[in-house]
N, C-alpha and C. Protein backbone atom coordinates (compact mmCIF):
# COMPACT_ATOMS: atom_id res chain seq x y z
N MET A 1 -55.54 -82.85 48.78
CA MET A 1 -55.99 -83.93 49.71
C MET A 1 -55.01 -85.16 49.54
N VAL A 2 -54.87 -85.81 50.62
CA VAL A 2 -54.27 -87.07 50.73
C VAL A 2 -55.15 -88.19 51.16
N THR A 3 -54.85 -89.39 50.88
CA THR A 3 -55.64 -90.56 51.41
C THR A 3 -54.77 -91.47 52.10
N ILE A 4 -55.40 -92.04 53.25
CA ILE A 4 -54.63 -93.04 54.07
C ILE A 4 -54.81 -94.29 53.22
N SER A 5 -53.66 -94.74 52.73
CA SER A 5 -53.70 -96.00 51.87
C SER A 5 -53.35 -97.27 52.64
N ASN A 6 -52.70 -97.25 53.69
CA ASN A 6 -52.20 -98.48 54.32
C ASN A 6 -51.64 -98.17 55.76
N PHE A 7 -51.19 -99.06 56.45
CA PHE A 7 -50.42 -98.85 57.73
C PHE A 7 -49.47 -99.85 57.95
N LYS A 8 -48.43 -99.68 58.76
CA LYS A 8 -47.48 -100.76 59.07
C LYS A 8 -47.09 -100.52 60.47
N SER A 9 -46.62 -101.53 61.06
CA SER A 9 -46.11 -101.69 62.32
C SER A 9 -44.67 -101.31 62.49
N ALA A 10 -44.26 -100.65 63.54
CA ALA A 10 -42.87 -100.37 63.87
C ALA A 10 -42.54 -100.50 65.30
N ILE A 11 -41.32 -100.53 65.66
CA ILE A 11 -41.02 -100.65 67.14
C ILE A 11 -40.21 -99.41 67.60
N ASN A 12 -40.53 -98.74 68.69
CA ASN A 12 -39.92 -97.57 69.08
C ASN A 12 -38.55 -97.89 69.88
N ALA A 13 -37.99 -96.86 70.31
CA ALA A 13 -36.63 -97.04 71.09
C ALA A 13 -36.78 -97.94 72.30
N GLU A 14 -38.01 -97.85 72.91
CA GLU A 14 -38.27 -98.63 74.13
C GLU A 14 -38.65 -100.04 73.81
N GLY A 15 -38.78 -100.35 72.62
CA GLY A 15 -39.23 -101.76 72.12
C GLY A 15 -40.64 -101.94 72.10
N GLU A 16 -41.50 -100.78 72.18
CA GLU A 16 -42.90 -100.93 72.08
C GLU A 16 -43.38 -100.69 70.59
N GLU A 17 -44.39 -101.47 70.33
CA GLU A 17 -45.00 -101.41 68.94
C GLU A 17 -45.85 -100.27 68.75
N PHE A 18 -45.76 -99.57 67.60
CA PHE A 18 -46.66 -98.45 67.30
C PHE A 18 -46.93 -98.62 65.73
N PHE A 19 -47.89 -97.75 65.20
CA PHE A 19 -48.28 -97.89 63.85
C PHE A 19 -48.06 -96.63 63.14
N LEU A 20 -47.56 -96.74 61.86
CA LEU A 20 -47.37 -95.73 60.86
C LEU A 20 -48.52 -95.78 59.89
N LEU A 21 -49.01 -94.59 59.54
CA LEU A 21 -50.04 -94.57 58.43
C LEU A 21 -49.38 -94.08 57.24
N GLU A 22 -49.67 -94.88 56.09
CA GLU A 22 -49.16 -94.54 54.79
C GLU A 22 -50.13 -93.52 54.17
N LEU A 23 -49.64 -92.37 53.73
CA LEU A 23 -50.41 -91.32 53.06
C LEU A 23 -50.13 -91.33 51.55
N LEU A 24 -51.09 -91.28 50.70
CA LEU A 24 -50.83 -91.21 49.27
C LEU A 24 -51.52 -89.91 48.80
N GLY A 25 -50.59 -89.17 48.09
CA GLY A 25 -51.02 -87.95 47.38
C GLY A 25 -51.77 -88.14 46.25
N GLY A 26 -52.21 -87.08 45.48
CA GLY A 26 -52.84 -87.17 44.17
C GLY A 26 -51.97 -87.73 43.06
N VAL A 27 -52.61 -88.11 41.98
CA VAL A 27 -51.94 -88.53 40.83
C VAL A 27 -51.20 -87.48 40.13
N GLU A 28 -50.03 -87.67 39.67
CA GLU A 28 -49.26 -86.62 38.96
C GLU A 28 -48.49 -87.32 37.90
N SER A 29 -48.20 -86.55 36.77
CA SER A 29 -47.42 -87.19 35.60
C SER A 29 -45.98 -86.71 35.79
N VAL A 30 -45.06 -87.66 35.44
CA VAL A 30 -43.66 -87.39 35.54
C VAL A 30 -42.95 -87.86 34.29
N GLN A 31 -41.97 -87.24 33.83
CA GLN A 31 -41.26 -87.62 32.61
C GLN A 31 -40.00 -88.33 32.99
N SER A 32 -39.87 -89.62 32.47
CA SER A 32 -38.70 -90.46 32.73
C SER A 32 -37.51 -89.74 32.17
N LYS A 33 -36.40 -89.71 33.06
CA LYS A 33 -35.03 -89.18 32.53
C LYS A 33 -34.37 -90.05 31.53
N GLU A 34 -34.69 -91.39 31.62
CA GLU A 34 -34.01 -92.35 30.72
C GLU A 34 -34.78 -92.36 29.39
N THR A 35 -36.09 -92.58 29.33
CA THR A 35 -36.84 -92.78 28.13
C THR A 35 -37.54 -91.49 27.59
N GLY A 36 -37.69 -90.54 28.40
CA GLY A 36 -38.49 -89.38 28.00
C GLY A 36 -39.96 -89.55 27.95
N ARG A 37 -40.36 -90.71 28.25
CA ARG A 37 -41.85 -91.10 28.31
C ARG A 37 -42.41 -90.58 29.56
N ILE A 38 -43.86 -90.27 29.44
CA ILE A 38 -44.59 -89.84 30.62
C ILE A 38 -45.13 -91.11 31.38
N TYR A 39 -45.08 -91.02 32.65
CA TYR A 39 -45.84 -92.06 33.42
C TYR A 39 -46.52 -91.37 34.60
N LEU A 40 -47.49 -92.02 35.12
CA LEU A 40 -48.31 -91.58 36.31
C LEU A 40 -47.82 -92.13 37.61
N THR A 41 -47.78 -91.32 38.69
CA THR A 41 -47.37 -91.80 39.91
C THR A 41 -48.01 -91.02 41.00
N ALA A 42 -47.78 -91.34 42.24
CA ALA A 42 -48.23 -90.57 43.33
C ALA A 42 -47.31 -90.61 44.51
N ARG A 43 -47.15 -89.44 45.15
CA ARG A 43 -46.16 -89.34 46.29
C ARG A 43 -46.75 -90.16 47.51
N LYS A 44 -45.85 -90.81 48.16
CA LYS A 44 -46.26 -91.47 49.48
C LYS A 44 -45.39 -90.96 50.58
N ALA A 45 -45.99 -90.96 51.74
CA ALA A 45 -45.25 -90.60 53.03
C ALA A 45 -45.88 -91.31 54.15
N THR A 46 -45.15 -91.57 55.21
CA THR A 46 -45.65 -92.17 56.36
C THR A 46 -45.65 -91.29 57.46
N VAL A 47 -46.60 -91.49 58.42
CA VAL A 47 -46.80 -90.55 59.58
C VAL A 47 -47.01 -91.47 60.76
N SER A 48 -46.32 -91.19 61.88
CA SER A 48 -46.55 -91.96 63.18
C SER A 48 -47.95 -91.72 63.68
N SER A 49 -48.51 -92.69 64.33
CA SER A 49 -49.85 -92.48 64.92
C SER A 49 -49.89 -92.98 66.30
N THR A 50 -50.85 -92.66 67.05
CA THR A 50 -51.17 -93.31 68.40
C THR A 50 -52.30 -94.38 68.36
N PHE A 51 -52.66 -94.62 67.14
CA PHE A 51 -53.85 -95.58 66.93
C PHE A 51 -53.45 -97.06 67.19
N ASN A 52 -54.37 -97.92 67.46
CA ASN A 52 -54.08 -99.40 67.56
C ASN A 52 -54.33 -99.91 66.13
N GLU A 53 -54.05 -101.18 66.03
CA GLU A 53 -54.12 -101.80 64.59
C GLU A 53 -55.56 -101.74 64.08
N SER A 54 -56.50 -102.03 64.83
CA SER A 54 -57.92 -102.05 64.24
C SER A 54 -58.32 -100.57 63.87
N THR A 55 -57.96 -99.59 64.50
CA THR A 55 -58.29 -98.25 64.12
C THR A 55 -57.47 -97.90 62.91
N CYS A 56 -56.23 -98.24 62.80
CA CYS A 56 -55.51 -97.91 61.52
C CYS A 56 -56.29 -98.67 60.31
N GLN A 57 -56.58 -99.95 60.51
CA GLN A 57 -57.28 -100.58 59.44
C GLN A 57 -58.59 -99.90 59.00
N SER A 58 -59.28 -99.37 60.03
CA SER A 58 -60.63 -98.70 59.71
C SER A 58 -60.39 -97.35 59.00
N LEU A 59 -59.21 -96.76 59.16
CA LEU A 59 -58.98 -95.42 58.64
C LEU A 59 -58.51 -95.52 57.12
N ILE A 60 -58.24 -96.78 56.58
CA ILE A 60 -57.79 -96.86 55.14
C ILE A 60 -58.89 -96.36 54.33
N GLY A 61 -58.54 -95.39 53.40
CA GLY A 61 -59.52 -94.81 52.52
C GLY A 61 -60.01 -93.41 52.88
N THR A 62 -59.66 -93.06 54.18
CA THR A 62 -59.98 -91.77 54.67
C THR A 62 -59.11 -90.67 53.95
N LYS A 63 -59.88 -89.57 53.56
CA LYS A 63 -59.22 -88.35 52.88
C LYS A 63 -59.01 -87.32 53.90
N MET A 64 -57.78 -86.72 53.84
CA MET A 64 -57.51 -85.71 54.79
C MET A 64 -56.90 -84.46 54.05
N PRO A 65 -57.07 -83.23 54.48
CA PRO A 65 -56.42 -82.11 53.87
C PRO A 65 -54.91 -82.07 53.97
N GLY A 66 -54.30 -81.56 52.97
CA GLY A 66 -52.77 -81.49 52.97
C GLY A 66 -52.24 -82.07 51.68
N THR A 67 -50.94 -82.03 51.61
CA THR A 67 -50.18 -82.50 50.47
C THR A 67 -49.01 -83.33 50.94
N ILE A 68 -48.34 -84.10 49.96
CA ILE A 68 -47.18 -84.73 50.20
C ILE A 68 -46.04 -83.87 49.48
N GLN A 69 -45.02 -83.41 50.27
CA GLN A 69 -44.05 -82.57 49.67
C GLN A 69 -42.73 -83.25 49.57
N ARG A 70 -41.92 -82.92 48.54
CA ARG A 70 -40.53 -83.42 48.50
C ARG A 70 -39.65 -82.48 49.23
N VAL A 71 -38.85 -83.07 50.19
CA VAL A 71 -37.90 -82.38 51.03
C VAL A 71 -36.54 -82.83 50.84
N GLU A 72 -35.65 -81.91 50.48
CA GLU A 72 -34.23 -82.24 50.30
C GLU A 72 -33.48 -82.63 51.63
N VAL A 73 -32.77 -83.61 51.61
CA VAL A 73 -32.04 -84.14 52.86
C VAL A 73 -30.53 -84.48 52.49
N GLU A 74 -29.77 -84.79 53.41
CA GLU A 74 -28.45 -85.28 53.22
C GLU A 74 -28.55 -86.60 52.39
N PRO A 75 -27.65 -86.77 51.39
CA PRO A 75 -27.72 -88.04 50.58
C PRO A 75 -27.63 -89.23 51.46
N TYR A 76 -28.29 -90.35 50.91
CA TYR A 76 -28.29 -91.54 51.73
C TYR A 76 -28.57 -92.75 50.63
N ALA A 77 -28.10 -93.94 50.98
CA ALA A 77 -28.20 -95.07 50.13
C ALA A 77 -29.62 -95.62 50.32
N TYR A 78 -30.20 -96.09 49.10
CA TYR A 78 -31.52 -96.80 49.06
C TYR A 78 -31.41 -97.83 48.09
N VAL A 79 -31.92 -99.03 48.55
CA VAL A 79 -31.95 -100.27 47.68
C VAL A 79 -33.34 -100.36 47.09
N ILE A 80 -33.41 -100.51 45.70
CA ILE A 80 -34.56 -100.72 45.02
C ILE A 80 -35.02 -102.27 45.18
N GLN A 81 -36.10 -102.46 45.78
CA GLN A 81 -36.55 -103.79 46.19
C GLN A 81 -36.62 -104.66 45.08
N ASP A 82 -37.24 -104.27 43.86
CA ASP A 82 -37.48 -105.18 42.79
C ASP A 82 -36.21 -105.68 42.11
N THR A 83 -35.13 -104.69 42.17
CA THR A 83 -33.92 -105.19 41.33
C THR A 83 -32.73 -105.33 42.29
N GLY A 84 -32.75 -104.95 43.57
CA GLY A 84 -31.60 -105.07 44.47
C GLY A 84 -30.54 -103.97 44.21
N GLU A 85 -30.71 -103.03 43.19
CA GLU A 85 -29.89 -102.09 42.85
C GLU A 85 -29.84 -101.02 43.98
N GLU A 86 -28.62 -100.61 44.46
CA GLU A 86 -28.50 -99.45 45.42
C GLU A 86 -28.19 -98.21 44.73
N ILE A 87 -29.01 -97.20 45.02
CA ILE A 87 -28.90 -95.85 44.46
C ILE A 87 -28.72 -94.78 45.59
N THR A 88 -28.31 -93.67 45.31
CA THR A 88 -28.15 -92.55 46.30
C THR A 88 -29.34 -91.63 46.02
N LEU A 89 -30.00 -91.24 47.16
CA LEU A 89 -31.13 -90.31 47.09
C LEU A 89 -30.77 -89.13 47.92
N SER A 90 -31.30 -87.99 47.62
CA SER A 90 -31.12 -86.75 48.49
C SER A 90 -32.36 -86.11 48.84
N HIS A 91 -33.48 -86.89 48.85
CA HIS A 91 -34.81 -86.30 49.15
C HIS A 91 -35.70 -87.36 49.84
N ARG A 92 -36.73 -86.92 50.52
CA ARG A 92 -37.76 -87.83 50.99
C ARG A 92 -39.05 -87.07 50.85
N TYR A 93 -40.10 -87.76 51.10
CA TYR A 93 -41.49 -87.15 51.04
C TYR A 93 -42.07 -87.05 52.41
N GLU A 94 -42.66 -85.85 52.71
CA GLU A 94 -43.27 -85.64 54.04
C GLU A 94 -44.66 -85.04 53.77
N TYR A 95 -45.45 -85.38 54.77
CA TYR A 95 -46.87 -84.87 54.85
C TYR A 95 -46.85 -83.43 55.28
N ASP A 96 -47.60 -82.63 54.60
CA ASP A 96 -47.77 -81.16 54.96
C ASP A 96 -49.27 -80.86 55.13
N PRO A 97 -49.63 -80.82 56.40
CA PRO A 97 -51.12 -80.59 56.64
C PRO A 97 -51.68 -79.26 56.29
N ASN A 98 -50.81 -78.34 55.97
CA ASN A 98 -51.02 -76.94 55.73
C ASN A 98 -50.28 -76.38 54.50
N PRO A 99 -50.68 -76.95 53.38
CA PRO A 99 -49.89 -76.51 52.09
C PRO A 99 -50.21 -75.07 51.81
N SER A 100 -49.26 -74.38 51.03
CA SER A 100 -49.51 -73.02 50.64
C SER A 100 -50.70 -72.94 49.75
N LEU A 101 -51.27 -71.76 49.59
CA LEU A 101 -52.48 -71.49 48.67
C LEU A 101 -52.17 -71.95 47.30
N GLU A 102 -50.97 -71.73 46.84
CA GLU A 102 -50.58 -71.96 45.43
C GLU A 102 -50.62 -73.58 45.21
N GLU A 103 -50.02 -74.29 46.16
CA GLU A 103 -50.08 -75.71 46.13
C GLU A 103 -51.60 -76.28 46.20
N THR A 104 -52.40 -75.70 46.97
CA THR A 104 -53.77 -76.15 47.00
C THR A 104 -54.50 -75.90 45.75
N VAL A 105 -54.31 -74.65 45.20
CA VAL A 105 -54.91 -74.40 43.82
C VAL A 105 -54.56 -75.35 42.82
N LEU A 106 -53.14 -75.56 42.69
CA LEU A 106 -52.64 -76.53 41.69
C LEU A 106 -53.19 -77.95 41.90
N GLU A 107 -53.24 -78.45 43.16
CA GLU A 107 -53.85 -79.73 43.41
C GLU A 107 -55.23 -79.86 42.97
N ARG A 108 -56.03 -78.82 43.31
CA ARG A 108 -57.49 -78.83 42.97
C ARG A 108 -57.71 -78.76 41.46
N THR A 109 -56.85 -78.02 40.76
CA THR A 109 -56.85 -77.94 39.39
C THR A 109 -56.65 -79.35 38.67
N ASN A 110 -55.64 -80.02 39.19
CA ASN A 110 -55.28 -81.43 38.75
C ASN A 110 -56.43 -82.32 38.95
N GLU A 111 -57.13 -82.22 40.18
CA GLU A 111 -58.29 -83.05 40.47
C GLU A 111 -59.37 -82.82 39.49
N LEU A 112 -59.63 -81.59 38.97
CA LEU A 112 -60.64 -81.25 38.10
C LEU A 112 -60.35 -81.80 36.63
N VAL A 113 -59.02 -81.84 36.30
CA VAL A 113 -58.67 -82.37 34.93
C VAL A 113 -58.82 -83.79 34.92
N LEU A 114 -58.51 -84.52 35.97
CA LEU A 114 -58.61 -85.96 36.09
C LEU A 114 -60.06 -86.29 35.99
C-alpha cells in the first residue's frame, strides 16, 4: 500500500497548471554506507493527476494499492537541499499500481512486524 502524503503544483508545456500527488511507501530499514547504522525511511514518488487543488488536498491520507519501486535510469546530477552538495544519482522512484505477488507478500509481512 502507498499513502497520498502531499501534492504540489506544476506547469505543463502549454503553460497550464496541474497537480502532482506525492505518494509515500511503507517504512523500511536501510543501512548507512558511511556509518553502518540502521535508519528508517520510506520511498516517495510523484504521480501526475487531473484533480484540482481542493480535490488533491482532500486526498491526503488516502491509501491505495501498489508500491514505490526503484528504477535505474541514466546518471543525473542532484543537489541535496539541506547541504547544497551536488551528487550523481542513477535511479528514481516510481509508483507501481500492480506489484508482483512477491513484493505484495513482503510488504504485508513488513506491515505485520511493525
